[in-house]
């Protein structure tokens, strides 16, 4: 069976659909020695190369997803012309495929970023039609009026169209700062900050604490990553509307752990 080239390569973990479409437009992908065009299809019997390097099409690597706690001051990009740190510098190395970021976070925004080797999963999670919920913890400088809170949940007109928070709840605070938790079902650029600014308020700190069913948690420190648990993987694929097969449990994993050895009494 054959399928669209960008879908096939994304599913095998060679990049996101958007990246692969750009590579095809730039003439960096060939099929059986000919430069590919958008709309071309390929299958296991074809010879596909990216930048001259042939990529395997017969074996799909086991999909992997990690949660990364992005600190402030890192860019969600692979390389920065100014030499600033990027999130990809702190991810584990892969033998096959490449890490694909599920969405982005601004330079001054911290919190949960998901990375996967499954381009199809990344595309489904990021597509606006999926309406995957994102939750943010927001620290606001100054007093927030009830009218402003109501406006943020009923609708605010931004330069790229109307927007609002799905939910908004207070989360405490001291002095001039107040914390709120808000949720969105879309990923427009700087949308959280722009919504608060539209009602005359300043965001002094912003952290994403959840993406769909995956939460940041308190144990994952800034700059660290972790693999998702099997239950989290299943929940994430379910949200994306994709099938997922849990890994098989090895026979040795099914056995109860052996009790620790105790020191024997010396013979008299």
C-alpha atoms as a PDB file:
ATOM      1  CA  UNK A   1       0.000   0.000   0.000  1.00  0.00           C
ATOM      2  CA  UNK A   2       1.115   3.555  -0.686  1.00  0.00           C
ATOM      3  CA  UNK A   3       0.233   6.797   1.066  1.00  0.00           C
ATOM      4  CA  UNK A   4       1.017  10.472   0.743  1.00  0.00           C
ATOM      5  CA  UNK A   5       4.727  11.051   1.113  1.00  0.00           C
ATOM      6  CA  UNK A   6       4.520  13.608   3.949  1.00  0.00           C
ATOM      7  CA  UNK A   7       2.103  11.404   5.916  1.00  0.00           C
ATOM      8  CA  UNK A   8       4.265   8.310   5.463  1.00  0.00           C
ATOM      9  CA  UNK A   9       7.503  10.002   6.514  1.00  0.00           C
ATOM     10  CA  UNK A  10       5.845  11.725   9.481  1.00  0.00           C
ATOM     11  CA  UNK A  11       4.384   8.441  10.695  1.00  0.00           C
ATOM     12  CA  UNK A  12       7.841   6.861  10.559  1.00  0.00           C
ATOM     13  CA  UNK A  13       9.284   9.648  12.680  1.00  0.00           C
ATOM     14  CA  UNK A  14      11.372  11.510  10.104  1.00  0.00           C
ATOM     15  CA  UNK A  15       9.774  14.868  10.902  1.00  0.00           C
ATOM     16  CA  UNK A  16       6.455  16.631  11.281  1.00  0.00           C
ATOM     17  CA  UNK A  17       4.105  16.861   8.317  1.00  0.00           C
ATOM     18  CA  UNK A  18       4.722  20.591   8.050  1.00  0.00           C
ATOM     19  CA  UNK A  19       8.503  20.107   8.032  1.00  0.00           C
ATOM     20  CA  UNK A  20       8.321  17.353   5.411  1.00  0.00           C
ATOM     21  CA  UNK A  21       5.997  19.406   3.191  1.00  0.00           C
ATOM     22  CA  UNK A  22       8.542  22.230   3.324  1.00  0.00           C
ATOM     23  CA  UNK A  23      11.366  19.824   2.422  1.00  0.00           C
ATOM     24  CA  UNK A  24       9.348  18.567  -0.553  1.00  0.00           C
ATOM     25  CA  UNK A  25       8.705  22.136  -1.728  1.00  0.00           C
ATOM     26  CA  UNK A  26      12.444  22.865  -1.450  1.00  0.00           C
ATOM     27  CA  UNK A  27      13.309  19.783  -3.543  1.00  0.00           C
ATOM     28  CA  UNK A  28      15.073  17.962  -0.709  1.00  0.00           C
ATOM     29  CA  UNK A  29      13.063  14.719  -1.022  1.00  0.00           C
ATOM     30  CA  UNK A  30      13.374  12.196  -3.852  1.00  0.00           C
ATOM     31  CA  UNK A  31      11.353   9.082  -4.691  1.00  0.00           C
ATOM     32  CA  UNK A  32      13.134   6.460  -6.789  1.00  0.00           C
ATOM     33  CA  UNK A  33      15.724   9.043  -7.841  1.00  0.00           C
ATOM     34  CA  UNK A  34      13.226  11.731  -8.896  1.00  0.00           C
ATOM     35  CA  UNK A  35      12.554  14.959  -7.007  1.00  0.00           C
ATOM     36  CA  UNK A  36       9.243  14.582  -5.192  1.00  0.00           C
ATOM     37  CA  UNK A  37       6.263  16.918  -5.443  1.00  0.00           C
ATOM     38  CA  UNK A  38       3.454  17.582  -2.975  1.00  0.00           C
ATOM     39  CA  UNK A  39       0.798  14.931  -3.535  1.00  0.00           C
ATOM     40  CA  UNK A  40       3.249  12.157  -4.466  1.00  0.00           C
ATOM     41  CA  UNK A  41       2.777   8.792  -2.805  1.00  0.00           C
ATOM     42  CA  UNK A  42       5.218   6.110  -1.733  1.00  0.00           C
ATOM     43  CA  UNK A  43       5.262   2.683  -0.141  1.00  0.00           C
ATOM     44  CA  UNK A  44       7.651   0.053   1.270  1.00  0.00           C
ATOM     45  CA  UNK A  45       8.896  -0.912  -2.224  1.00  0.00           C
ATOM     46  CA  UNK A  46       9.977   2.648  -3.087  1.00  0.00           C
ATOM     47  CA  UNK A  47      13.358   4.248  -2.457  1.00  0.00           C
ATOM     48  CA  UNK A  48      12.911   7.547  -0.623  1.00  0.00           C
ATOM     49  CA  UNK A  49      15.770   9.876   0.259  1.00  0.00           C
ATOM     50  CA  UNK A  50      15.894  13.086   2.297  1.00  0.00           C
ATOM     51  CA  UNK A  51      18.818  15.378   1.442  1.00  0.00           C
ATOM     52  CA  UNK A  52      20.391  12.464  -0.422  1.00  0.00           C
ATOM     53  CA  UNK A  53      20.170  10.019   2.495  1.00  0.00           C
ATOM     54  CA  UNK A  54      17.933   6.986   1.931  1.00  0.00           C
ATOM     55  CA  UNK A  55      15.450   6.440   4.747  1.00  0.00           C
ATOM     56  CA  UNK A  56      13.961   3.029   5.614  1.00  0.00           C
ATOM     57  CA  UNK A  57      10.249   2.627   4.900  1.00  0.00           C
ATOM     58  CA  UNK A  58       9.686  -0.985   5.898  1.00  0.00           C
ATOM     59  CA  UNK A  59      10.109  -0.716   9.686  1.00  0.00           C
ATOM     60  CA  UNK A  60       8.463   1.911  11.855  1.00  0.00           C
ATOM     61  CA  UNK A  61      10.314   2.626  15.120  1.00  0.00           C
ATOM     62  CA  UNK A  62       8.424   2.245  18.348  1.00  0.00           C
ATOM     63  CA  UNK A  63       6.739   5.604  19.010  1.00  0.00           C
ATOM     64  CA  UNK A  64       8.060   7.535  21.963  1.00  0.00           C
ATOM     65  CA  UNK A  65       6.746  10.607  23.787  1.00  0.00           C
ATOM     66  CA  UNK A  66       8.538  12.574  26.484  1.00  0.00           C
ATOM     67  CA  UNK A  67       7.452  15.418  28.750  1.00  0.00           C
ATOM     68  CA  UNK A  68       9.971  18.252  29.102  1.00  0.00           C
ATOM     69  CA  UNK A  69       9.859  21.011  31.722  1.00  0.00           C
ATOM     70  CA  UNK A  70      10.930  24.063  29.766  1.00  0.00           C
ATOM     71  CA  UNK A  71      12.488  26.838  31.854  1.00  0.00           C
ATOM     72  CA  UNK A  72      12.315  30.518  30.992  1.00  0.00           C
ATOM     73  CA  UNK A  73      14.987  31.632  28.557  1.00  0.00           C
ATOM     74  CA  UNK A  74      14.918  28.709  26.088  1.00  0.00           C
ATOM     75  CA  UNK A  75      13.667  28.809  22.515  1.00  0.00           C
ATOM     76  CA  UNK A  76      11.404  26.156  20.999  1.00  0.00           C
ATOM     77  CA  UNK A  77      13.544  25.815  17.906  1.00  0.00           C
ATOM     78  CA  UNK A  78      16.390  23.569  16.769  1.00  0.00           C
ATOM     79  CA  UNK A  79      18.914  26.336  16.133  1.00  0.00           C
ATOM     80  CA  UNK A  80      19.090  30.025  16.984  1.00  0.00           C
ATOM     81  CA  UNK A  81      21.217  32.423  14.882  1.00  0.00           C
ATOM     82  CA  UNK A  82      21.979  34.421  18.038  1.00  0.00           C
ATOM     83  CA  UNK A  83      23.266  31.379  19.897  1.00  0.00           C
ATOM     84  CA  UNK A  84      20.583  31.400  22.580  1.00  0.00           C
ATOM     85  CA  UNK A  85      19.779  28.062  24.304  1.00  0.00           C
ATOM     86  CA  UNK A  86      17.086  25.874  22.751  1.00  0.00           C
ATOM     87  CA  UNK A  87      14.908  23.118  24.182  1.00  0.00           C
ATOM     88  CA  UNK A  88      16.364  20.532  21.766  1.00  0.00           C
ATOM     89  CA  UNK A  89      19.790  20.827  23.402  1.00  0.00           C
ATOM     90  CA  UNK A  90      18.480  19.067  26.518  1.00  0.00           C
ATOM     91  CA  UNK A  91      16.591  16.150  24.946  1.00  0.00           C
ATOM     92  CA  UNK A  92      17.850  12.550  24.832  1.00  0.00           C
ATOM     93  CA  UNK A  93      19.562  11.428  21.645  1.00  0.00           C
ATOM     94  CA  UNK A  94      17.759   9.124  19.227  1.00  0.00           C
ATOM     95  CA  UNK A  95      19.291   6.365  17.110  1.00  0.00           C
ATOM     96  CA  UNK A  96      16.520   6.652  14.523  1.00  0.00           C
ATOM     97  CA  UNK A  97      14.069   9.427  13.729  1.00  0.00           C
ATOM     98  CA  UNK A  98      13.980  12.855  15.345  1.00  0.00           C
ATOM     99  CA  UNK A  99      12.152  14.695  18.099  1.00  0.00           C
ATOM    100  CA  UNK A 100       9.082  16.653  17.022  1.00  0.00           C
ATOM    101  CA  UNK A 101       7.780  19.367  19.338  1.00  0.00           C
ATOM    102  CA  UNK A 102       4.035  19.274  19.988  1.00  0.00           C
ATOM    103  CA  UNK A 103       3.369  23.004  19.824  1.00  0.00           C
ATOM    104  CA  UNK A 104       5.612  25.736  21.163  1.00  0.00           C
ATOM    105  CA  UNK A 105       6.218  27.886  24.217  1.00  0.00           C
ATOM    106  CA  UNK A 106       7.477  31.465  24.114  1.00  0.00           C
ATOM    107  CA  UNK A 107      10.979  32.404  25.237  1.00  0.00           C
ATOM    108  CA  UNK A 108       9.642  33.801  28.534  1.00  0.00           C
ATOM    109  CA  UNK A 109       7.081  31.031  29.120  1.00  0.00           C
ATOM    110  CA  UNK A 110       7.946  27.917  31.134  1.00  0.00           C
ATOM    111  CA  UNK A 111       6.240  24.598  31.695  1.00  0.00           C
ATOM    112  CA  UNK A 112       5.176  21.447  29.889  1.00  0.00           C
ATOM    113  CA  UNK A 113       6.366  20.680  26.371  1.00  0.00           C
ATOM    114  CA  UNK A 114       5.670  17.334  24.726  1.00  0.00           C
ATOM    115  CA  UNK A 115       8.079  15.809  22.205  1.00  0.00           C
ATOM    116  CA  UNK A 116       7.394  12.719  20.117  1.00  0.00           C
ATOM    117  CA  UNK A 117       8.960  10.617  17.382  1.00  0.00           C
ATOM    118  CA  UNK A 118       5.489  10.058  15.863  1.00  0.00           C
ATOM    119  CA  UNK A 119       4.813  12.796  13.319  1.00  0.00           C
ATOM    120  CA  UNK A 120       1.207  11.690  12.830  1.00  0.00           C
ATOM    121  CA  UNK A 121       0.533  12.034  16.564  1.00  0.00           C
ATOM    122  CA  UNK A 122       2.110  15.494  16.644  1.00  0.00           C
ATOM    123  CA  UNK A 123       0.000  16.636  13.690  1.00  0.00           C
ATOM    124  CA  UNK A 124      -3.232  15.411  15.268  1.00  0.00           C
ATOM    125  CA  UNK A 125      -2.491  17.006  18.639  1.00  0.00           C
ATOM    126  CA  UNK A 126      -1.595  20.383  17.118  1.00  0.00           C
ATOM    127  CA  UNK A 127      -4.347  20.639  14.505  1.00  0.00           C
ATOM    128  CA  UNK A 128      -7.020  23.220  15.476  1.00  0.00           C
ATOM    129  CA  UNK A 129      -9.821  20.740  14.735  1.00  0.00           C
ATOM    130  CA  UNK A 130      -8.567  18.527  17.583  1.00  0.00           C
ATOM    131  CA  UNK A 131      -9.302  21.238  20.178  1.00  0.00           C
ATOM    132  CA  UNK A 132      -6.870  19.676  22.659  1.00  0.00           C
ATOM    133  CA  UNK A 133      -7.120  21.551  25.959  1.00  0.00           C
ATOM    134  CA  UNK A 134      -4.096  23.392  27.350  1.00  0.00           C
ATOM    135  CA  UNK A 135      -3.941  24.636  30.942  1.00  0.00           C
ATOM    136  CA  UNK A 136      -1.744  27.496  32.165  1.00  0.00           C
ATOM    137  CA  UNK A 137      -0.853  28.947  35.544  1.00  0.00           C
ATOM    138  CA  UNK A 138      -0.755  32.741  35.195  1.00  0.00           C
ATOM    139  CA  UNK A 139       0.555  35.318  37.668  1.00  0.00           C
ATOM    140  CA  UNK A 140      -1.055  38.733  37.208  1.00  0.00           C
ATOM    141  CA  UNK A 141       0.399  41.967  38.518  1.00  0.00           C
ATOM    142  CA  UNK A 142      -2.210  44.184  40.189  1.00  0.00           C
ATOM    143  CA  UNK A 143      -5.902  43.981  40.991  1.00  0.00           C
ATOM    144  CA  UNK A 144      -8.244  42.110  38.654  1.00  0.00           C
ATOM    145  CA  UNK A 145     -11.820  43.328  38.489  1.00  0.00           C
ATOM    146  CA  UNK A 146     -14.829  41.014  38.204  1.00  0.00           C
ATOM    147  CA  UNK A 147     -15.704  42.682  34.892  1.00  0.00           C
ATOM    148  CA  UNK A 148     -12.278  41.796  33.476  1.00  0.00           C
ATOM    149  CA  UNK A 149     -12.644  38.151  34.531  1.00  0.00           C
ATOM    150  CA  UNK A 150     -16.087  37.967  32.930  1.00  0.00           C
ATOM    151  CA  UNK A 151     -14.816  39.505  29.720  1.00  0.00           C
ATOM    152  CA  UNK A 152     -11.963  36.989  29.499  1.00  0.00           C
ATOM    153  CA  UNK A 153     -14.402  34.057  29.535  1.00  0.00           C
ATOM    154  CA  UNK A 154     -17.113  35.591  27.332  1.00  0.00           C
ATOM    155  CA  UNK A 155     -14.874  36.940  24.594  1.00  0.00           C
ATOM    156  CA  UNK A 156     -12.181  39.482  23.744  1.00  0.00           C
ATOM    157  CA  UNK A 157     -11.431  40.827  20.274  1.00  0.00           C
ATOM    158  CA  UNK A 158      -7.762  40.326  19.341  1.00  0.00           C
ATOM    159  CA  UNK A 159      -5.981  41.408  16.161  1.00  0.00           C
ATOM    160  CA  UNK A 160      -6.355  37.890  14.715  1.00  0.00           C
ATOM    161  CA  UNK A 161      -9.983  37.390  15.765  1.00  0.00           C
ATOM    162  CA  UNK A 162     -12.108  36.829  18.891  1.00  0.00           C
ATOM    163  CA  UNK A 163     -10.740  34.677  21.706  1.00  0.00           C
ATOM    164  CA  UNK A 164     -11.602  33.645  25.233  1.00  0.00           C
ATOM    165  CA  UNK A 165     -10.585  31.293  28.010  1.00  0.00           C
ATOM    166  CA  UNK A 166     -12.578  28.070  28.293  1.00  0.00           C
ATOM    167  CA  UNK A 167     -12.207  28.174  32.079  1.00  0.00           C
ATOM    168  CA  UNK A 168     -10.683  30.642  34.532  1.00  0.00           C
ATOM    169  CA  UNK A 169     -10.261  30.124  38.270  1.00  0.00           C
ATOM    170  CA  UNK A 170      -8.391  31.914  41.013  1.00  0.00           C
ATOM    171  CA  UNK A 171      -5.378  30.125  42.525  1.00  0.00           C
ATOM    172  CA  UNK A 172      -4.315  32.436  45.345  1.00  0.00           C
ATOM    173  CA  UNK A 173      -1.487  34.921  45.668  1.00  0.00           C
ATOM    174  CA  UNK A 174       0.038  37.491  47.992  1.00  0.00           C
ATOM    175  CA  UNK A 175       0.793  41.200  47.767  1.00  0.00           C
ATOM    176  CA  UNK A 176       0.410  42.717  44.333  1.00  0.00           C
ATOM    177  CA  UNK A 177       0.421  39.334  42.541  1.00  0.00           C
ATOM    178  CA  UNK A 178      -2.532  37.045  41.943  1.00  0.00           C
ATOM    179  CA  UNK A 179      -2.425  33.553  40.422  1.00  0.00           C
ATOM    180  CA  UNK A 180      -5.056  32.153  38.034  1.00  0.00           C
ATOM    181  CA  UNK A 181      -5.439  28.898  36.134  1.00  0.00           C
ATOM    182  CA  UNK A 182      -6.848  29.213  32.622  1.00  0.00           C
ATOM    183  CA  UNK A 183      -7.568  26.761  29.815  1.00  0.00           C
ATOM    184  CA  UNK A 184      -7.614  27.124  26.025  1.00  0.00           C
ATOM    185  CA  UNK A 185      -8.456  24.769  23.159  1.00  0.00           C
ATOM    186  CA  UNK A 186      -6.251  26.412  20.553  1.00  0.00           C
ATOM    187  CA  UNK A 187      -2.619  27.411  20.234  1.00  0.00           C
ATOM    188  CA  UNK A 188      -2.437  30.880  18.729  1.00  0.00           C
ATOM    189  CA  UNK A 189       0.781  32.822  19.189  1.00  0.00           C
ATOM    190  CA  UNK A 190       1.048  34.429  22.690  1.00  0.00           C
ATOM    191  CA  UNK A 191      -2.707  34.035  23.101  1.00  0.00           C
ATOM    192  CA  UNK A 192      -2.714  33.811  26.905  1.00  0.00           C
ATOM    193  CA  UNK A 193      -0.643  36.965  27.333  1.00  0.00           C
ATOM    194  CA  UNK A 194      -2.579  38.860  24.675  1.00  0.00           C
ATOM    195  CA  UNK A 195      -5.926  38.061  26.284  1.00  0.00           C
ATOM    196  CA  UNK A 196      -4.830  39.476  29.635  1.00  0.00           C
ATOM    197  CA  UNK A 197      -3.239  42.494  27.965  1.00  0.00           C
ATOM    198  CA  UNK A 198      -6.477  43.148  26.070  1.00  0.00           C
ATOM    199  CA  UNK A 199      -8.253  43.864  29.389  1.00  0.00           C
ATOM    200  CA  UNK A 200      -5.427  46.070  30.624  1.00  0.00           C
ATOM    201  CA  UNK A 201      -3.528  43.576  32.800  1.00  0.00           C
ATOM    202  CA  UNK A 202       0.096  42.442  32.854  1.00  0.00           C
ATOM    203  CA  UNK A 203       1.277  38.818  33.008  1.00  0.00           C
ATOM    204  CA  UNK A 204       4.360  38.615  35.224  1.00  0.00           C
ATOM    205  CA  UNK A 205       4.762  34.835  34.959  1.00  0.00           C
ATOM    206  CA  UNK A 206       3.290  32.132  32.734  1.00  0.00           C
ATOM    207  CA  UNK A 207       3.636  28.350  33.017  1.00  0.00           C
ATOM    208  CA  UNK A 208       1.885  25.616  31.047  1.00  0.00           C
ATOM    209  CA  UNK A 209       0.872  22.914  33.513  1.00  0.00           C
ATOM    210  CA  UNK A 210      -1.111  20.556  31.258  1.00  0.00           C
ATOM    211  CA  UNK A 211      -1.455  19.548  27.612  1.00  0.00           C
ATOM    212  CA  UNK A 212      -4.526  17.389  27.016  1.00  0.00           C
ATOM    213  CA  UNK A 213      -4.423  14.482  29.505  1.00  0.00           C
ATOM    214  CA  UNK A 214      -0.714  15.007  30.375  1.00  0.00           C
ATOM    215  CA  UNK A 215       0.159  17.116  33.417  1.00  0.00           C
ATOM    216  CA  UNK A 216       3.512  18.661  34.271  1.00  0.00           C
ATOM    217  CA  UNK A 217       3.449  17.469  37.883  1.00  0.00           C
ATOM    218  CA  UNK A 218       5.676  18.659  40.708  1.00  0.00           C
ATOM    219  CA  UNK A 219       8.470  16.087  40.428  1.00  0.00           C
ATOM    220  CA  UNK A 220       9.757  17.110  36.997  1.00  0.00           C
ATOM    221  CA  UNK A 221      12.283  19.888  37.570  1.00  0.00           C
ATOM    222  CA  UNK A 222      13.001  22.654  35.054  1.00  0.00           C
ATOM    223  CA  UNK A 223      15.349  21.506  32.293  1.00  0.00           C
ATOM    224  CA  UNK A 224      14.545  17.804  32.856  1.00  0.00           C
ATOM    225  CA  UNK A 225      12.503  15.312  30.834  1.00  0.00           C
ATOM    226  CA  UNK A 226      10.722  12.006  31.417  1.00  0.00           C
ATOM    227  CA  UNK A 227       9.168   9.290  29.256  1.00  0.00           C
ATOM    228  CA  UNK A 228       5.397   9.052  29.424  1.00  0.00           C
ATOM    229  CA  UNK A 229       3.948   6.069  31.259  1.00  0.00           C
ATOM    230  CA  UNK A 230       1.938   3.482  29.230  1.00  0.00           C
ATOM    231  CA  UNK A 231      -1.336   4.803  30.645  1.00  0.00           C
ATOM    232  CA  UNK A 232      -0.410   8.349  29.644  1.00  0.00           C
ATOM    233  CA  UNK A 233       0.525   7.175  26.148  1.00  0.00           C
ATOM    234  CA  UNK A 234      -2.839   5.481  25.746  1.00  0.00           C
ATOM    235  CA  UNK A 235      -4.696   8.581  26.919  1.00  0.00           C
ATOM    236  CA  UNK A 236      -2.713  10.842  24.582  1.00  0.00           C
ATOM    237  CA  UNK A 237      -3.316   8.648  21.525  1.00  0.00           C
ATOM    238  CA  UNK A 238      -7.008   8.444  22.420  1.00  0.00           C
ATOM    239  CA  UNK A 239      -7.262  12.256  22.483  1.00  0.00           C
ATOM    240  CA  UNK A 240      -5.581  12.350  19.070  1.00  0.00           C
ATOM    241  CA  UNK A 241      -7.991   9.719  17.732  1.00  0.00           C
ATOM    242  CA  UNK A 242      -5.180   7.334  16.819  1.00  0.00           C
ATOM    243  CA  UNK A 243      -4.737   3.636  17.667  1.00  0.00           C
ATOM    244  CA  UNK A 244      -2.071   2.702  20.172  1.00  0.00           C
ATOM    245  CA  UNK A 245      -0.894  -0.755  21.207  1.00  0.00           C
ATOM    246  CA  UNK A 246       0.579  -1.014  24.720  1.00  0.00           C
ATOM    247  CA  UNK A 247       4.007  -2.659  24.911  1.00  0.00           C
ATOM    248  CA  UNK A 248       3.972  -6.337  25.735  1.00  0.00           C
ATOM    249  CA  UNK A 249       4.932  -7.222  29.291  1.00  0.00           C
ATOM    250  CA  UNK A 250       7.924  -9.516  29.359  1.00  0.00           C
ATOM    251  CA  UNK A 251       7.621 -12.764  31.262  1.00  0.00           C
ATOM    252  CA  UNK A 252      10.244 -11.730  33.786  1.00  0.00           C
ATOM    253  CA  UNK A 253       8.314  -8.489  34.454  1.00  0.00           C
ATOM    254  CA  UNK A 254       5.199 -10.467  35.426  1.00  0.00           C
ATOM    255  CA  UNK A 255       6.939 -12.295  38.228  1.00  0.00           C
ATOM    256  CA  UNK A 256       6.792 -10.746  41.681  1.00  0.00           C
ATOM    257  CA  UNK A 257      10.135  -9.326  42.812  1.00  0.00           C
ATOM    258  CA  UNK A 258      12.310 -11.651  44.857  1.00  0.00           C
ATOM    259  CA  UNK A 259      12.477 -10.835  48.558  1.00  0.00           C
ATOM    260  CA  UNK A 260      15.756  -9.254  49.611  1.00  0.00           C
ATOM    261  CA  UNK A 261      18.345 -11.640  50.988  1.00  0.00           C
ATOM    262  CA  UNK A 262      18.925 -11.529  54.694  1.00  0.00           C
ATOM    263  CA  UNK A 263      22.229 -12.199  56.361  1.00  0.00           C
ATOM    264  CA  UNK A 264      22.512 -15.722  57.756  1.00  0.00           C
ATOM    265  CA  UNK A 265      23.560 -16.335  61.290  1.00  0.00           C
ATOM    266  CA  UNK A 266      27.082 -17.738  61.493  1.00  0.00           C
ATOM    267  CA  UNK A 267      27.287 -21.373  62.540  1.00  0.00           C
ATOM    268  CA  UNK A 268      28.542 -22.010  66.069  1.00  0.00           C
END
